[in-house]
Amino acid sequence: MTEPQEQTGHPRVDAALAELDRIADLPPGEQVAGFAAVQQELQGTLASIDSGQER
């Protein structure tokens, strides 16, 4: 188990970081899909911030 992540103040980023903590406890074979989903969520979050249209 990993240490809890410090809050960033952005709900979607905080949720993604919490998901990374959860994924870290899974068997390695199950982590890949989780990491890909978190990466996609963070990418979408950054894109929405950059465009000024946060979801």
C-alpha atoms as a PDB file:
ATOM      1  CA  MET A   1       0.000   0.000   0.000  1.00  0.00           C
ATOM      2  CA  THR A   2       1.218   3.483  -0.809  1.00  0.00           C
ATOM      3  CA  GLU A   3       1.036   6.691   1.195  1.00  0.00           C
ATOM      4  CA  PRO A   4      -2.103   8.776   0.572  1.00  0.00           C
ATOM      5  CA  GLN A   5      -1.591  11.477  -2.021  1.00  0.00           C
ATOM      6  CA  GLU A   6      -1.642  15.131  -1.055  1.00  0.00           C
ATOM      7  CA  GLN A   7      -4.714  16.909  -2.426  1.00  0.00           C
ATOM      8  CA  THR A   8      -4.134  19.114  -5.462  1.00  0.00           C
ATOM      9  CA  GLY A   9      -7.316  21.144  -5.154  1.00  0.00           C
ATOM     10  CA  HIS A  10      -8.600  19.917  -8.520  1.00  0.00           C
ATOM     11  CA  PRO A  11     -11.260  17.204  -8.020  1.00  0.00           C
ATOM     12  CA  ARG A  12     -10.529  15.278 -11.239  1.00  0.00           C
ATOM     13  CA  VAL A  13      -6.788  15.229 -10.594  1.00  0.00           C
ATOM     14  CA  ASP A  14      -7.344  14.194  -6.975  1.00  0.00           C
ATOM     15  CA  ALA A  15      -9.625  11.364  -8.140  1.00  0.00           C
ATOM     16  CA  ALA A  16      -7.008  10.201 -10.652  1.00  0.00           C
ATOM     17  CA  LEU A  17      -4.314  10.192  -7.964  1.00  0.00           C
ATOM     18  CA  ALA A  18      -6.583   8.212  -5.641  1.00  0.00           C
ATOM     19  CA  GLU A  19      -7.153   5.715  -8.452  1.00  0.00           C
ATOM     20  CA  LEU A  20      -3.373   5.351  -8.879  1.00  0.00           C
ATOM     21  CA  ASP A  21      -3.130   4.505  -5.174  1.00  0.00           C
ATOM     22  CA  ARG A  22      -5.844   1.861  -5.616  1.00  0.00           C
ATOM     23  CA  ILE A  23      -4.206   0.425  -8.734  1.00  0.00           C
ATOM     24  CA  ALA A  24      -0.856   0.089  -6.973  1.00  0.00           C
ATOM     25  CA  ASP A  25      -2.368  -2.625  -4.760  1.00  0.00           C
ATOM     26  CA  LEU A  26      -3.560  -4.743  -7.714  1.00  0.00           C
ATOM     27  CA  PRO A  27      -1.583  -7.614  -9.233  1.00  0.00           C
ATOM     28  CA  PRO A  28       0.739  -6.351 -12.002  1.00  0.00           C
ATOM     29  CA  GLY A  29      -1.350  -7.933 -14.754  1.00  0.00           C
ATOM     30  CA  GLU A  30      -4.362  -5.859 -13.709  1.00  0.00           C
ATOM     31  CA  GLN A  31      -2.496  -2.562 -13.373  1.00  0.00           C
ATOM     32  CA  VAL A  32      -1.950  -1.800 -17.066  1.00  0.00           C
ATOM     33  CA  ALA A  33      -5.595  -1.092 -17.888  1.00  0.00           C
ATOM     34  CA  GLY A  34      -5.922   1.055 -14.788  1.00  0.00           C
ATOM     35  CA  PHE A  35      -2.824   3.080 -15.611  1.00  0.00           C
ATOM     36  CA  ALA A  36      -4.115   3.625 -19.148  1.00  0.00           C
ATOM     37  CA  ALA A  37      -7.481   4.840 -17.850  1.00  0.00           C
ATOM     38  CA  VAL A  38      -5.844   7.254 -15.404  1.00  0.00           C
ATOM     39  CA  GLN A  39      -3.522   8.561 -18.109  1.00  0.00           C
ATOM     40  CA  GLN A  40      -6.505   9.171 -20.397  1.00  0.00           C
ATOM     41  CA  GLU A  41      -8.400  10.979 -17.620  1.00  0.00           C
ATOM     42  CA  LEU A  42      -5.417  13.206 -16.802  1.00  0.00           C
ATOM     43  CA  GLN A  43      -4.865  13.951 -20.486  1.00  0.00           C
ATOM     44  CA  GLY A  44      -8.511  14.956 -20.860  1.00  0.00           C
ATOM     45  CA  THR A  45      -8.335  17.081 -17.731  1.00  0.00           C
ATOM     46  CA  LEU A  46      -5.274  18.936 -18.963  1.00  0.00           C
ATOM     47  CA  ALA A  47      -6.836  19.465 -22.386  1.00  0.00           C
ATOM     48  CA  SER A  48      -9.999  20.909 -20.845  1.00  0.00           C
ATOM     49  CA  ILE A  49      -7.974  23.243 -18.622  1.00  0.00           C
ATOM     50  CA  ASP A  50      -5.873  24.375 -21.584  1.00  0.00           C
ATOM     51  CA  SER A  51      -8.970  25.090 -23.661  1.00  0.00           C
ATOM     52  CA  GLY A  52     -10.706  26.867 -20.797  1.00  0.00           C
ATOM     53  CA  GLN A  53     -13.590  24.401 -20.912  1.00  0.00           C
ATOM     54  CA  GLU A  54     -13.171  22.266 -17.808  1.00  0.00           C
ATOM     55  CA  ARG A  55     -15.557  19.333 -17.636  1.00  0.00           C
END
